[in-house]
Amino acid sequence: RAEDAEAAARQRLEAAVAKYDAGFAPQRMADLRYGVGDELIFLVKASMAGKNDVIGTTTYGRRSDFAKSVIHAGLLKPGETGVVSAKVVASHYAPFLGSPRNGVDSLNSSSSDYAYTLRLLERIDTGAGVAP
């Protein structure tokens, strides 16, 4: 039954959020307060729909669209949900080099005061029609 499948998917989401103490992903890391060395854990649904671009490759500028960044990094496919670690690093005002990856074309940028790297902690099977 559809209700049972939806309930099971919600249970998987809730269990993953509790396991990692995850928050909801921001639109951009620039929308949050953090410091170099911080590791932030987020529940994210990968999406190409965001209005912001992705900046950089492997290390992403803080103004990058977060849901697109996880696609560019190859962690999740569009529509997939997972728990992702974002490690804040100092960019030392080095340039970010863009690249085409996984259907996302990221941009070059001359600098950013902070950046982040991504790591997938867990992919969550949410089934059809269930969004976090």
Protein backbone atom coordinates (compact mmCIF):
# COMPACT_ATOMS: atom_id res chain seq x y z
CA ARG A 1 0.00 0.00 0.00
CA ALA A 2 1.07 3.55 -0.74
CA GLU A 3 0.52 4.67 2.85
CA ASP A 4 2.76 1.91 4.19
CA ALA A 5 5.52 2.77 1.71
CA GLU A 6 5.32 6.46 2.60
CA ALA A 7 5.41 5.68 6.34
CA ALA A 8 8.45 3.44 5.86
CA ALA A 9 10.23 6.14 3.85
CA ARG A 10 9.52 8.72 6.55
CA GLN A 11 10.88 6.33 9.18
CA ARG A 12 14.11 5.93 7.17
CA LEU A 13 14.45 9.72 6.90
CA GLU A 14 13.82 10.24 10.60
CA ALA A 15 16.28 7.49 11.54
CA ALA A 16 19.04 8.99 9.38
CA VAL A 17 18.44 12.50 10.74
CA ALA A 18 18.63 11.17 14.31
CA LYS A 19 21.69 9.01 13.61
CA TYR A 20 23.75 11.93 12.26
CA ASP A 21 22.01 14.78 14.10
CA ALA A 22 21.45 16.32 10.67
CA GLY A 23 19.82 19.63 9.90
CA PHE A 24 18.04 20.61 6.72
CA ALA A 25 20.39 21.67 3.93
CA PRO A 26 20.67 25.40 3.25
CA GLN A 27 20.14 26.86 -0.17
CA ARG A 28 23.75 28.07 0.06
CA MET A 29 26.40 27.67 2.76
CA ALA A 30 26.67 31.47 2.72
CA ASP A 31 23.26 31.51 4.44
CA LEU A 32 24.75 29.96 7.63
CA ARG A 33 27.23 30.91 10.34
CA TYR A 34 30.27 28.65 10.68
CA GLY A 35 34.03 28.70 11.02
CA VAL A 36 36.95 27.05 9.28
CA GLY A 37 37.19 23.43 10.36
CA ASP A 38 33.49 23.09 11.20
CA GLU A 39 31.73 20.02 9.86
CA LEU A 40 28.04 20.54 9.24
CA ILE A 41 25.73 17.59 8.62
CA PHE A 42 22.67 18.05 6.40
CA LEU A 43 19.72 16.13 5.04
CA VAL A 44 19.54 17.12 1.38
CA LYS A 45 17.42 16.25 -1.62
CA ALA A 46 19.60 16.66 -4.71
CA SER A 47 18.02 19.06 -7.17
CA MET A 48 18.86 20.97 -10.32
CA ALA A 49 16.03 23.45 -9.62
CA GLY A 50 17.92 25.97 -7.48
CA LYS A 51 18.43 29.47 -8.81
CA ASN A 52 22.09 29.70 -7.75
CA ASP A 53 25.12 28.41 -9.63
CA VAL A 54 27.76 25.97 -8.43
CA ILE A 55 31.22 27.49 -8.02
CA GLY A 56 34.33 25.34 -8.09
CA THR A 57 35.16 21.65 -8.36
CA THR A 58 35.77 19.35 -5.37
CA THR A 59 36.05 22.46 -3.18
CA TYR A 60 32.98 24.64 -3.59
CA GLY A 61 32.50 28.35 -2.99
CA ARG A 62 30.12 29.21 -0.15
CA ARG A 63 27.67 30.88 -2.53
CA SER A 64 27.18 27.64 -4.49
CA ASP A 65 23.74 26.09 -4.69
CA PHE A 66 24.03 23.28 -2.13
CA ALA A 67 21.55 20.82 -3.68
CA LYS A 68 23.28 21.19 -7.06
CA SER A 69 26.75 20.88 -5.50
CA VAL A 70 25.98 17.37 -4.23
CA ILE A 71 25.03 16.40 -7.79
CA HIS A 72 28.17 17.99 -9.26
CA ALA A 73 30.28 16.14 -6.66
CA GLY A 74 28.65 12.85 -7.69
CA LEU A 75 27.26 12.15 -4.23
CA LEU A 76 23.58 12.02 -5.21
CA LYS A 77 21.59 12.04 -8.43
CA PRO A 78 18.75 14.53 -8.97
CA GLY A 79 15.79 13.52 -6.79
CA GLU A 80 17.86 11.35 -4.44
CA THR A 81 17.98 12.14 -0.74
CA GLY A 82 20.90 11.66 1.58
CA VAL A 83 22.85 12.85 4.58
CA VAL A 84 25.90 14.87 3.56
CA SER A 85 28.83 16.28 5.50
CA ALA A 86 30.04 19.76 4.52
CA LYS A 87 33.53 20.52 5.86
CA VAL A 88 34.33 24.25 5.97
CA VAL A 89 37.78 25.15 4.68
CA ALA A 90 39.61 28.43 4.18
CA SER A 91 40.01 29.13 0.50
CA HIS A 92 42.93 31.56 1.02
CA TYR A 93 41.40 33.59 -1.77
CA ALA A 94 42.58 31.06 -4.34
CA PRO A 95 40.65 30.83 -7.59
CA PHE A 96 37.93 28.23 -7.97
CA LEU A 97 38.01 26.29 -11.21
CA GLY A 98 34.69 25.19 -12.65
CA SER A 99 34.03 21.99 -14.56
CA PRO A 100 31.21 20.00 -16.14
CA ARG A 101 30.32 17.01 -13.92
CA ASN A 102 27.26 14.83 -13.58
CA GLY A 103 25.10 17.18 -15.65
CA VAL A 104 26.09 20.33 -13.70
CA ASP A 105 28.42 22.93 -15.18
CA SER A 106 30.16 24.68 -12.31
CA LEU A 107 31.70 28.13 -12.69
CA ASN A 108 35.13 29.63 -12.14
CA SER A 109 35.47 32.31 -9.49
CA SER A 110 38.39 34.48 -8.50
CA SER A 111 38.00 33.98 -4.75
CA SER A 112 35.84 33.34 -1.71
CA ASP A 113 36.64 33.77 1.96
CA TYR A 114 35.28 30.30 2.87
CA ALA A 115 34.65 27.16 0.92
CA TYR A 116 33.51 23.62 1.63
CA THR A 117 34.13 20.03 0.66
CA LEU A 118 31.42 17.38 0.59
CA ARG A 119 31.17 13.77 1.71
CA LEU A 120 28.17 11.45 1.50
CA LEU A 121 27.37 9.83 4.84
CA GLU A 122 24.25 7.95 3.80
CA ARG A 123 21.94 7.67 0.79
CA ILE A 124 18.32 7.25 1.87
CA ASP A 125 15.74 5.29 -0.09
CA THR A 126 12.66 7.48 0.13
CA GLY A 127 10.56 5.72 -2.48
CA ALA A 128 8.37 7.59 -4.95
CA GLY A 129 6.57 10.73 -3.93
CA VAL A 130 8.21 11.29 -0.54
CA ALA A 131 10.22 14.44 -0.01
CA PRO A 132 12.11 15.53 3.10
